[in-house]
Each structure stands twice: as C-alpha cells, then as structure tokens.
Amino acid sequence: MKIRYAAASDLGQARKNNEDAFLADPALGIFAVADGMGGHAAGEVASSLAMDTLREFIARGTRVEASPKCPGQTTAPSPSNLLVKGIRLANQAIYQSSREKEEYEGMGTTIVAIYFSNSSSVVAHVGDSRLYHIRGQTIEQVTEDHSFVWEQYRQGFISKAALPSLPMKNIVTRALGMQPTVDVDVKELSLQMGDLLLLCSDGLTDLILDEELVGAVSASSGDLEQACRDLISLANRRGGKDNITVLLIHIEKVTD
C-alpha cells in the first residue's frame, strides 16, 4: 500500500488544553486519532498514552510469534488481531494509570485507527471519533459512534443531522480507560487507488456536515495539508467548541 498523508490538531476556540492526539507512522502502517477526557489535563495524558501504547505494540507485534499449538513453528498475528490487541493494551494502560494517580482518576479517551499491512486495511474504534471513506464525491462514515445519541439515531428516533445539536451528544457509551477491558469494533476496508480516508475527532464532525467534508477536501485539489487547515478553519469559524483533529490519508497505490 502506497499512501500520502497529512494531519493537524487545533485547540479550538473554547478549550484551554488540547486533549486530542494523533498517530501517523507510515513505516509501521498505523494511523490513529484519540480524543481524551478527564479533569486536570488528564484527557491529554489518556490520549497520548493511547497513541504511544498502540504504536509500541504495533512495532513489537509485527515480529513473528511462536505458535501456541505448534511450538516449533512461528506465526504472524493477523492485522485485525494485532490492531485490536494494541487498542486493548492501551485501554489497560490508561485504566491502570487512572487508578494509580488521584489526579488521573476517571480519565479516558476515544480512539479510531487504521492499520495497513501489505494490501490489507483494517479499521478499529472505540467511542465517537470517526473514520470516513471518500471516493470521488461520495463519502461514507465507516465507524458508528459509541454514544447515547447515536443509539437514538440507529433506532430511528432522531435524524443524523440533529445529532450535533442534542444536549447529550458528548456522552459516549464506550471509551478507553473506563473499565479493565473494552470491546473494540473492527472491520476490513476495501480500498482503491485515489481513495481518501479522513480520521477525526468530534470537534470537527459536530460542526461540519458530511457533504461539507467532501467539499473542503475537493477544493484543496489534492493538497492534503491545505485540506486539513481548511477543515479546522471552518470548524473554528463555526465556534470551535472543542479541540479539532484531522488526519487525511490518500491511497496512491494498492498492491496485491
């Protein structure tokens, strides 16, 4: 898989600290966005710990491991297993840290990640940070938010357009660090040359509609750094009520 990427994170207009974090390591094929939560800057700690733990685990996990069924043989973990295990390890690290230091009590973070391995692309997430798949002028939200309002949307009680305006929109039903273990949603993504992937925190999607995301990316004429700046600028012009993180990935070539 040959890719090109750009990323940017912004404080926004209302927050004193940036509790978002992102990971972009093309050599390992891992990209992620995290949106931390917790008082006394603990959200910053949680999101950074998630990114560091995930990266370190992916770096270690790409090495072949001994097969438990056949000790004389080795096996490489599947990309999906590797990504899920890395996120679960990040959950454990955050949970343990929150129990060891009083100032970190209750901290947590969302996470959305994609892992490229050869021609395989695996997406995993916990919480309401999102991954979008853009092909031409078509955009698809690949992840489904783990939040109270998203569940109401899934059940048909509210429209997707109404989600950002609801008073309970920031209540997530799943996040890293809340419990000793966590369920991770994971799926493989089929990609073509020319596709774009957008990973972002809800500081972007609470203020910008899906079709506006496509418009801003298209207007940049392939300049991913400019597209990131334009998306952040648009969110800030609309109030910038939260930290804003944008990570764009352009698929240059899909290898068989």
C-alpha atoms as a PDB file:
ATOM      1  CA  MET A   1       0.000   0.000   0.000  1.00  0.00           C
ATOM      2  CA  LYS A   2       1.446   3.350  -1.045  1.00  0.00           C
ATOM      3  CA  ILE A   3      -0.066   6.333   0.727  1.00  0.00           C
ATOM      4  CA  ARG A   4       0.316  10.057   1.279  1.00  0.00           C
ATOM      5  CA  TYR A   5      -0.974  11.759   4.423  1.00  0.00           C
ATOM      6  CA  ALA A   6      -1.290  14.987   6.392  1.00  0.00           C
ATOM      7  CA  ALA A   7      -2.527  15.709   9.896  1.00  0.00           C
ATOM      8  CA  ALA A   8      -3.265  18.712  12.100  1.00  0.00           C
ATOM      9  CA  SER A   9      -4.685  19.323  15.567  1.00  0.00           C
ATOM     10  CA  ASP A  10      -6.054  22.583  16.920  1.00  0.00           C
ATOM     11  CA  LEU A  11      -7.080  23.866  20.344  1.00  0.00           C
ATOM     12  CA  GLY A  12     -10.345  25.320  19.046  1.00  0.00           C
ATOM     13  CA  GLN A  13     -11.990  28.448  20.399  1.00  0.00           C
ATOM     14  CA  ALA A  14     -13.302  27.296  23.777  1.00  0.00           C
ATOM     15  CA  ARG A  15     -10.805  24.866  25.339  1.00  0.00           C
ATOM     16  CA  LYS A  16      -7.744  25.717  27.443  1.00  0.00           C
ATOM     17  CA  ASN A  17      -5.979  22.436  26.698  1.00  0.00           C
ATOM     18  CA  ASN A  18      -5.795  20.238  23.621  1.00  0.00           C
ATOM     19  CA  GLU A  19      -6.843  16.774  24.786  1.00  0.00           C
ATOM     20  CA  ASP A  20      -6.746  15.329  21.262  1.00  0.00           C
ATOM     21  CA  ALA A  21      -3.784  13.340  19.966  1.00  0.00           C
ATOM     22  CA  PHE A  22      -2.944  11.623  16.709  1.00  0.00           C
ATOM     23  CA  LEU A  23      -0.585   8.931  15.486  1.00  0.00           C
ATOM     24  CA  ALA A  24       0.848   8.801  11.967  1.00  0.00           C
ATOM     25  CA  ASP A  25       3.578   6.255  11.313  1.00  0.00           C
ATOM     26  CA  PRO A  26       3.701   5.233   7.636  1.00  0.00           C
ATOM     27  CA  ALA A  27       6.671   2.933   8.245  1.00  0.00           C
ATOM     28  CA  LEU A  28       4.532   0.812  10.571  1.00  0.00           C
ATOM     29  CA  GLY A  29       1.328   1.461   8.634  1.00  0.00           C
ATOM     30  CA  ILE A  30      -0.559   2.711  11.698  1.00  0.00           C
ATOM     31  CA  PHE A  31      -2.644   5.905  11.856  1.00  0.00           C
ATOM     32  CA  ALA A  32      -4.997   6.951  14.663  1.00  0.00           C
ATOM     33  CA  VAL A  33      -6.855   9.811  16.340  1.00  0.00           C
ATOM     34  CA  ALA A  34      -7.782   9.994  20.029  1.00  0.00           C
ATOM     35  CA  ASP A  35      -9.991  12.443  21.917  1.00  0.00           C
ATOM     36  CA  GLY A  36      -9.190  12.466  25.634  1.00  0.00           C
ATOM     37  CA  MET A  37     -11.434  13.268  28.575  1.00  0.00           C
ATOM     38  CA  GLY A  38     -10.853  13.939  32.265  1.00  0.00           C
ATOM     39  CA  GLY A  39     -10.057  16.816  34.593  1.00  0.00           C
ATOM     40  CA  HIS A  40      -6.674  18.345  35.483  1.00  0.00           C
ATOM     41  CA  ALA A  41      -5.369  17.779  31.930  1.00  0.00           C
ATOM     42  CA  ALA A  42      -5.862  14.019  32.400  1.00  0.00           C
ATOM     43  CA  GLY A  43      -7.523  13.843  28.979  1.00  0.00           C
ATOM     44  CA  GLU A  44      -4.222  14.838  27.403  1.00  0.00           C
ATOM     45  CA  VAL A  45      -2.499  12.069  29.330  1.00  0.00           C
ATOM     46  CA  ALA A  46      -5.064   9.464  28.265  1.00  0.00           C
ATOM     47  CA  SER A  47      -4.993  10.282  24.554  1.00  0.00           C
ATOM     48  CA  SER A  48      -1.187  10.477  24.443  1.00  0.00           C
ATOM     49  CA  LEU A  49      -0.860   7.217  26.375  1.00  0.00           C
ATOM     50  CA  ALA A  50      -3.233   5.528  23.926  1.00  0.00           C
ATOM     51  CA  MET A  51      -1.192   6.665  20.915  1.00  0.00           C
ATOM     52  CA  ASP A  52       2.157   5.708  22.460  1.00  0.00           C
ATOM     53  CA  THR A  53       0.951   2.302  23.635  1.00  0.00           C
ATOM     54  CA  LEU A  54      -0.633   1.452  20.296  1.00  0.00           C
ATOM     55  CA  ARG A  55       2.430   2.448  18.303  1.00  0.00           C
ATOM     56  CA  GLU A  56       4.803   0.493  20.535  1.00  0.00           C
ATOM     57  CA  PHE A  57       2.614  -2.604  20.381  1.00  0.00           C
ATOM     58  CA  ILE A  58       2.301  -2.493  16.584  1.00  0.00           C
ATOM     59  CA  ALA A  59       6.085  -2.123  16.330  1.00  0.00           C
ATOM     60  CA  ARG A  60       6.600  -5.203  18.516  1.00  0.00           C
ATOM     61  CA  GLY A  61       3.711  -7.202  17.093  1.00  0.00           C
ATOM     62  CA  THR A  62       4.882  -7.129  13.505  1.00  0.00           C
ATOM     63  CA  ARG A  63       7.551  -9.618  14.506  1.00  0.00           C
ATOM     64  CA  VAL A  64       6.615 -13.279  14.128  1.00  0.00           C
ATOM     65  CA  GLU A  65       5.426 -15.025  17.287  1.00  0.00           C
ATOM     66  CA  ALA A  66       5.732 -18.606  18.444  1.00  0.00           C
ATOM     67  CA  SER A  67       2.615 -20.661  17.695  1.00  0.00           C
ATOM     68  CA  PRO A  68       0.991 -21.934  20.947  1.00  0.00           C
ATOM     69  CA  LYS A  69      -0.301 -25.054  19.160  1.00  0.00           C
ATOM     70  CA  CYS A  70       2.970 -25.842  17.391  1.00  0.00           C
ATOM     71  CA  PRO A  71       5.930 -24.615  19.495  1.00  0.00           C
ATOM     72  CA  GLY A  72       8.379 -25.389  16.712  1.00  0.00           C
ATOM     73  CA  GLN A  73       6.581 -23.079  14.292  1.00  0.00           C
ATOM     74  CA  THR A  74       6.069 -19.339  14.173  1.00  0.00           C
ATOM     75  CA  THR A  75       3.069 -17.336  13.081  1.00  0.00           C
ATOM     76  CA  ALA A  76       2.427 -13.666  12.423  1.00  0.00           C
ATOM     77  CA  PRO A  77      -0.710 -12.229  14.058  1.00  0.00           C
ATOM     78  CA  SER A  78      -3.456 -11.166  11.675  1.00  0.00           C
ATOM     79  CA  PRO A  79      -3.710  -7.395  11.092  1.00  0.00           C
ATOM     80  CA  SER A  80      -7.130  -7.229  12.780  1.00  0.00           C
ATOM     81  CA  ASN A  81      -5.935  -9.160  15.841  1.00  0.00           C
ATOM     82  CA  LEU A  82      -2.835  -7.019  16.084  1.00  0.00           C
ATOM     83  CA  LEU A  83      -4.808  -3.779  15.956  1.00  0.00           C
ATOM     84  CA  VAL A  84      -7.457  -4.902  18.448  1.00  0.00           C
ATOM     85  CA  LYS A  85      -4.843  -6.226  20.876  1.00  0.00           C
ATOM     86  CA  GLY A  86      -2.963  -2.918  20.664  1.00  0.00           C
ATOM     87  CA  ILE A  87      -6.092  -0.928  21.485  1.00  0.00           C
ATOM     88  CA  ARG A  88      -6.987  -3.236  24.366  1.00  0.00           C
ATOM     89  CA  LEU A  89      -3.471  -2.862  25.726  1.00  0.00           C
ATOM     90  CA  ALA A  90      -3.878   0.919  25.535  1.00  0.00           C
ATOM     91  CA  ASN A  91      -7.134   0.561  27.480  1.00  0.00           C
ATOM     92  CA  GLN A  92      -5.340  -1.384  30.212  1.00  0.00           C
ATOM     93  CA  ALA A  93      -2.535   1.169  30.409  1.00  0.00           C
ATOM     94  CA  ILE A  94      -4.971   4.082  30.796  1.00  0.00           C
ATOM     95  CA  TYR A  95      -7.152   2.249  33.306  1.00  0.00           C
ATOM     96  CA  GLN A  96      -4.153   1.262  35.433  1.00  0.00           C
ATOM     97  CA  SER A  97      -2.715   4.781  35.340  1.00  0.00           C
ATOM     98  CA  SER A  98      -6.065   6.263  36.405  1.00  0.00           C
ATOM     99  CA  ARG A  99      -6.088   4.008  39.470  1.00  0.00           C
ATOM    100  CA  GLU A 100      -2.505   4.782  40.466  1.00  0.00           C
ATOM    101  CA  LYS A 101      -2.721   8.603  40.458  1.00  0.00           C
ATOM    102  CA  GLU A 102      -5.549  10.546  42.052  1.00  0.00           C
ATOM    103  CA  GLU A 103      -5.295  13.380  39.530  1.00  0.00           C
ATOM    104  CA  TYR A 104      -5.888  10.888  36.706  1.00  0.00           C
ATOM    105  CA  GLU A 105      -9.000   9.328  38.204  1.00  0.00           C
ATOM    106  CA  GLY A 106     -11.790   8.976  35.644  1.00  0.00           C
ATOM    107  CA  MET A 107      -9.632   9.790  32.626  1.00  0.00           C
ATOM    108  CA  GLY A 108     -10.318   8.120  29.314  1.00  0.00           C
ATOM    109  CA  THR A 109     -10.179   8.580  25.575  1.00  0.00           C
ATOM    110  CA  THR A 110     -11.875   7.655  22.350  1.00  0.00           C
ATOM    111  CA  ILE A 111      -9.822   6.121  19.562  1.00  0.00           C
ATOM    112  CA  VAL A 112     -10.173   5.467  15.849  1.00  0.00           C
ATOM    113  CA  ALA A 113      -7.350   3.734  13.997  1.00  0.00           C
ATOM    114  CA  ILE A 114      -6.466   2.192  10.662  1.00  0.00           C
ATOM    115  CA  TYR A 115      -3.669  -0.301  10.113  1.00  0.00           C
ATOM    116  CA  PHE A 116      -2.214  -1.005   6.671  1.00  0.00           C
ATOM    117  CA  SER A 117      -0.481  -4.349   6.233  1.00  0.00           C
ATOM    118  CA  ASN A 118       0.544  -5.282   2.689  1.00  0.00           C
ATOM    119  CA  SER A 119      -2.743  -4.884   0.763  1.00  0.00           C
ATOM    120  CA  SER A 120      -4.916  -5.213   3.891  1.00  0.00           C
ATOM    121  CA  SER A 121      -6.593  -2.239   5.572  1.00  0.00           C
ATOM    122  CA  VAL A 122      -8.181  -2.727   8.999  1.00  0.00           C
ATOM    123  CA  VAL A 123     -10.218  -0.121  10.900  1.00  0.00           C
ATOM    124  CA  ALA A 124     -10.912  -0.273  14.642  1.00  0.00           C
ATOM    125  CA  HIS A 125     -12.517   2.184  17.022  1.00  0.00           C
ATOM    126  CA  VAL A 126     -13.918   2.852  20.473  1.00  0.00           C
ATOM    127  CA  GLY A 127     -16.034   5.956  21.175  1.00  0.00           C
ATOM    128  CA  ASP A 128     -17.180   8.724  18.826  1.00  0.00           C
ATOM    129  CA  SER A 129     -14.057   9.699  16.906  1.00  0.00           C
ATOM    130  CA  ARG A 130     -14.721   8.761  13.291  1.00  0.00           C
ATOM    131  CA  LEU A 131     -13.254   7.421  10.076  1.00  0.00           C
ATOM    132  CA  TYR A 132     -14.734   8.463   6.727  1.00  0.00           C
ATOM    133  CA  HIS A 133     -14.083   6.862   3.340  1.00  0.00           C
ATOM    134  CA  ILE A 134     -14.178   9.333   0.435  1.00  0.00           C
ATOM    135  CA  ARG A 135     -14.275   8.128  -3.153  1.00  0.00           C
ATOM    136  CA  GLY A 136     -14.780  10.869  -5.727  1.00  0.00           C
ATOM    137  CA  GLN A 137     -17.670  12.970  -4.410  1.00  0.00           C
ATOM    138  CA  THR A 138     -19.100  10.162  -2.288  1.00  0.00           C
ATOM    139  CA  ILE A 139     -18.465   9.962   1.445  1.00  0.00           C
ATOM    140  CA  GLU A 140     -19.219   7.057   3.769  1.00  0.00           C
ATOM    141  CA  GLN A 141     -18.921   7.094   7.542  1.00  0.00           C
ATOM    142  CA  VAL A 142     -17.175   3.778   8.195  1.00  0.00           C
ATOM    143  CA  THR A 143     -17.372   3.839  12.001  1.00  0.00           C
ATOM    144  CA  GLU A 144     -20.504   4.065  14.146  1.00  0.00           C
ATOM    145  CA  ASP A 145     -20.309   6.259  17.234  1.00  0.00           C
ATOM    146  CA  HIS A 146     -20.450   4.606  20.618  1.00  0.00           C
ATOM    147  CA  SER A 147     -22.631   7.304  22.107  1.00  0.00           C
ATOM    148  CA  PHE A 148     -26.057   7.799  23.616  1.00  0.00           C
ATOM    149  CA  VAL A 149     -27.355   9.956  20.752  1.00  0.00           C
ATOM    150  CA  TRP A 150     -26.024   7.619  18.052  1.00  0.00           C
ATOM    151  CA  GLU A 151     -28.035   4.788  19.577  1.00  0.00           C
ATOM    152  CA  GLN A 152     -31.111   7.011  19.361  1.00  0.00           C
ATOM    153  CA  TYR A 153     -30.289   7.666  15.704  1.00  0.00           C
ATOM    154  CA  ARG A 154     -29.835   3.954  14.981  1.00  0.00           C
ATOM    155  CA  GLN A 155     -33.236   3.239  16.458  1.00  0.00           C
ATOM    156  CA  GLY A 156     -34.820   5.883  14.230  1.00  0.00           C
ATOM    157  CA  PHE A 157     -35.788   8.316  16.968  1.00  0.00           C
ATOM    158  CA  ILE A 158     -33.719  11.220  15.597  1.00  0.00           C
ATOM    159  CA  SER A 159     -32.066  12.215  12.311  1.00  0.00           C
ATOM    160  CA  LYS A 160     -28.304  12.210  11.796  1.00  0.00           C
ATOM    161  CA  ALA A 161     -28.404  15.948  11.071  1.00  0.00           C
ATOM    162  CA  ALA A 162     -29.867  16.555  14.537  1.00  0.00           C
ATOM    163  CA  LEU A 163     -27.087  14.751  16.414  1.00  0.00           C
ATOM    164  CA  PRO A 164     -24.690  17.714  16.932  1.00  0.00           C
ATOM    165  CA  SER A 165     -27.408  19.925  18.438  1.00  0.00           C
ATOM    166  CA  LEU A 166     -28.596  17.497  21.107  1.00  0.00           C
ATOM    167  CA  PRO A 167     -27.616  18.261  24.726  1.00  0.00           C
ATOM    168  CA  MET A 168     -26.363  14.695  25.360  1.00  0.00           C
ATOM    169  CA  LYS A 169     -24.253  14.457  22.192  1.00  0.00           C
ATOM    170  CA  ASN A 170     -20.967  14.206  24.110  1.00  0.00           C
ATOM    171  CA  ILE A 171     -21.995  11.262  26.280  1.00  0.00           C
ATOM    172  CA  VAL A 172     -20.047   8.267  24.992  1.00  0.00           C
ATOM    173  CA  THR A 173     -21.117   4.748  25.910  1.00  0.00           C
ATOM    174  CA  ARG A 174     -17.680   3.251  25.345  1.00  0.00           C
ATOM    175  CA  ALA A 175     -14.161   4.659  25.796  1.00  0.00           C
ATOM    176  CA  LEU A 176     -10.658   3.521  26.667  1.00  0.00           C
ATOM    177  CA  GLY A 177      -9.783   3.590  30.362  1.00  0.00           C
ATOM    178  CA  MET A 178     -13.278   3.330  31.800  1.00  0.00           C
ATOM    179  CA  GLN A 179     -13.123  -0.391  32.597  1.00  0.00           C
ATOM    180  CA  PRO A 180     -10.364  -3.043  32.834  1.00  0.00           C
ATOM    181  CA  THR A 181     -11.475  -4.459  29.465  1.00  0.00           C
ATOM    182  CA  VAL A 182     -13.113  -2.896  26.428  1.00  0.00           C
ATOM    183  CA  ASP A 183     -14.982  -4.068  23.340  1.00  0.00           C
ATOM    184  CA  VAL A 184     -13.371  -2.882  20.110  1.00  0.00           C
ATOM    185  CA  ASP A 185     -15.291  -2.636  16.837  1.00  0.00           C
ATOM    186  CA  VAL A 186     -13.137  -3.791  13.917  1.00  0.00           C
ATOM    187  CA  LYS A 187     -13.662  -4.243  10.175  1.00  0.00           C
ATOM    188  CA  GLU A 188     -11.654  -4.590   6.997  1.00  0.00           C
ATOM    189  CA  LEU A 189     -11.877  -1.797   4.444  1.00  0.00           C
ATOM    190  CA  SER A 190     -11.694  -2.316   0.689  1.00  0.00           C
ATOM    191  CA  LEU A 191      -9.714   0.487  -0.936  1.00  0.00           C
ATOM    192  CA  GLN A 192      -8.910   1.657  -4.456  1.00  0.00           C
ATOM    193  CA  MET A 193      -6.241   3.958  -5.824  1.00  0.00           C
ATOM    194  CA  GLY A 194      -7.390   7.553  -5.369  1.00  0.00           C
ATOM    195  CA  ASP A 195      -9.491   6.922  -2.268  1.00  0.00           C
ATOM    196  CA  LEU A 196      -9.245   9.294   0.690  1.00  0.00           C
ATOM    197  CA  LEU A 197      -9.600   8.420   4.350  1.00  0.00           C
ATOM    198  CA  LEU A 198     -10.484  11.011   6.977  1.00  0.00           C
ATOM    199  CA  LEU A 199      -9.889  10.275  10.661  1.00  0.00           C
ATOM    200  CA  CYS A 200     -11.119  12.966  13.027  1.00  0.00           C
ATOM    201  CA  SER A 201     -12.328  13.893  16.499  1.00  0.00           C
ATOM    202  CA  ASP A 202     -15.866  15.099  17.124  1.00  0.00           C
ATOM    203  CA  GLY A 203     -14.632  18.676  17.354  1.00  0.00           C
ATOM    204  CA  LEU A 204     -14.792  18.559  13.556  1.00  0.00           C
ATOM    205  CA  THR A 205     -17.912  16.496  12.896  1.00  0.00           C
ATOM    206  CA  ASP A 206     -20.078  18.273  15.483  1.00  0.00           C
ATOM    207  CA  LEU A 207     -19.810  21.416  13.348  1.00  0.00           C
ATOM    208  CA  ILE A 208     -19.406  20.246   9.741  1.00  0.00           C
ATOM    209  CA  LEU A 209     -21.807  18.133   7.693  1.00  0.00           C
ATOM    210  CA  ASP A 210     -20.598  15.091   5.767  1.00  0.00           C
ATOM    211  CA  GLU A 211     -21.113  16.726   2.380  1.00  0.00           C
ATOM    212  CA  GLU A 212     -19.140  19.769   3.555  1.00  0.00           C
ATOM    213  CA  LEU A 213     -16.242  17.487   4.442  1.00  0.00           C
ATOM    214  CA  VAL A 214     -16.160  16.268   0.848  1.00  0.00           C
ATOM    215  CA  GLY A 215     -16.393  19.811  -0.478  1.00  0.00           C
ATOM    216  CA  ALA A 216     -13.476  21.067   1.603  1.00  0.00           C
ATOM    217  CA  VAL A 217     -11.273  18.132   0.610  1.00  0.00           C
ATOM    218  CA  SER A 218     -12.153  18.507  -3.076  1.00  0.00           C
ATOM    219  CA  ALA A 219     -11.462  22.247  -3.017  1.00  0.00           C
ATOM    220  CA  SER A 220      -7.887  21.615  -1.881  1.00  0.00           C
ATOM    221  CA  SER A 221      -7.064  19.976  -5.250  1.00  0.00           C
ATOM    222  CA  GLY A 222      -5.037  17.195  -3.670  1.00  0.00           C
ATOM    223  CA  ASP A 223      -3.146  19.366  -1.166  1.00  0.00           C
ATOM    224  CA  LEU A 224      -3.803  17.347   1.992  1.00  0.00           C
ATOM    225  CA  GLU A 225      -2.154  19.843   4.329  1.00  0.00           C
ATOM    226  CA  GLN A 226      -4.330  22.608   2.919  1.00  0.00           C
ATOM    227  CA  ALA A 227      -7.415  20.427   3.306  1.00  0.00           C
ATOM    228  CA  CYS A 228      -6.583  19.871   6.979  1.00  0.00           C
ATOM    229  CA  ARG A 229      -6.141  23.608   7.526  1.00  0.00           C
ATOM    230  CA  ASP A 230      -9.386  24.398   5.699  1.00  0.00           C
ATOM    231  CA  LEU A 231     -11.411  21.899   7.722  1.00  0.00           C
ATOM    232  CA  ILE A 232     -10.036  23.190  11.019  1.00  0.00           C
ATOM    233  CA  SER A 233     -10.619  26.786   9.943  1.00  0.00           C
ATOM    234  CA  LEU A 234     -14.236  26.031   9.047  1.00  0.00           C
ATOM    235  CA  ALA A 235     -14.871  24.362  12.407  1.00  0.00           C
ATOM    236  CA  ASN A 236     -13.317  27.329  14.218  1.00  0.00           C
ATOM    237  CA  ARG A 237     -15.438  29.802  12.272  1.00  0.00           C
ATOM    238  CA  ARG A 238     -18.482  27.920  13.490  1.00  0.00           C
ATOM    239  CA  GLY A 239     -17.494  28.250  17.107  1.00  0.00           C
ATOM    240  CA  GLY A 240     -14.651  25.775  17.628  1.00  0.00           C
ATOM    241  CA  LYS A 241     -16.389  24.440  20.720  1.00  0.00           C
ATOM    242  CA  ASP A 242     -13.939  21.575  21.141  1.00  0.00           C
ATOM    243  CA  ASN A 243     -10.435  20.511  20.119  1.00  0.00           C
ATOM    244  CA  ILE A 244     -10.251  19.684  16.420  1.00  0.00           C
ATOM    245  CA  THR A 245      -8.060  16.963  14.931  1.00  0.00           C
ATOM    246  CA  VAL A 246      -7.933  15.963  11.271  1.00  0.00           C
ATOM    247  CA  LEU A 247      -5.881  13.187   9.650  1.00  0.00           C
ATOM    248  CA  LEU A 248      -6.179  12.658   5.883  1.00  0.00           C
ATOM    249  CA  ILE A 249      -4.763   9.683   4.002  1.00  0.00           C
ATOM    250  CA  HIS A 250      -4.657   9.451   0.199  1.00  0.00           C
ATOM    251  CA  ILE A 251      -4.314   5.977  -1.331  1.00  0.00           C
ATOM    252  CA  GLU A 252      -1.696   6.277  -4.034  1.00  0.00           C
ATOM    253  CA  LYS A 253      -1.404   2.589  -4.886  1.00  0.00           C
ATOM    254  CA  VAL A 254      -2.950  -0.662  -3.726  1.00  0.00           C
ATOM    255  CA  THR A 255      -0.548  -3.590  -4.039  1.00  0.00           C
ATOM    256  CA  ASP A 256      -1.671  -7.179  -4.474  1.00  0.00           C
END
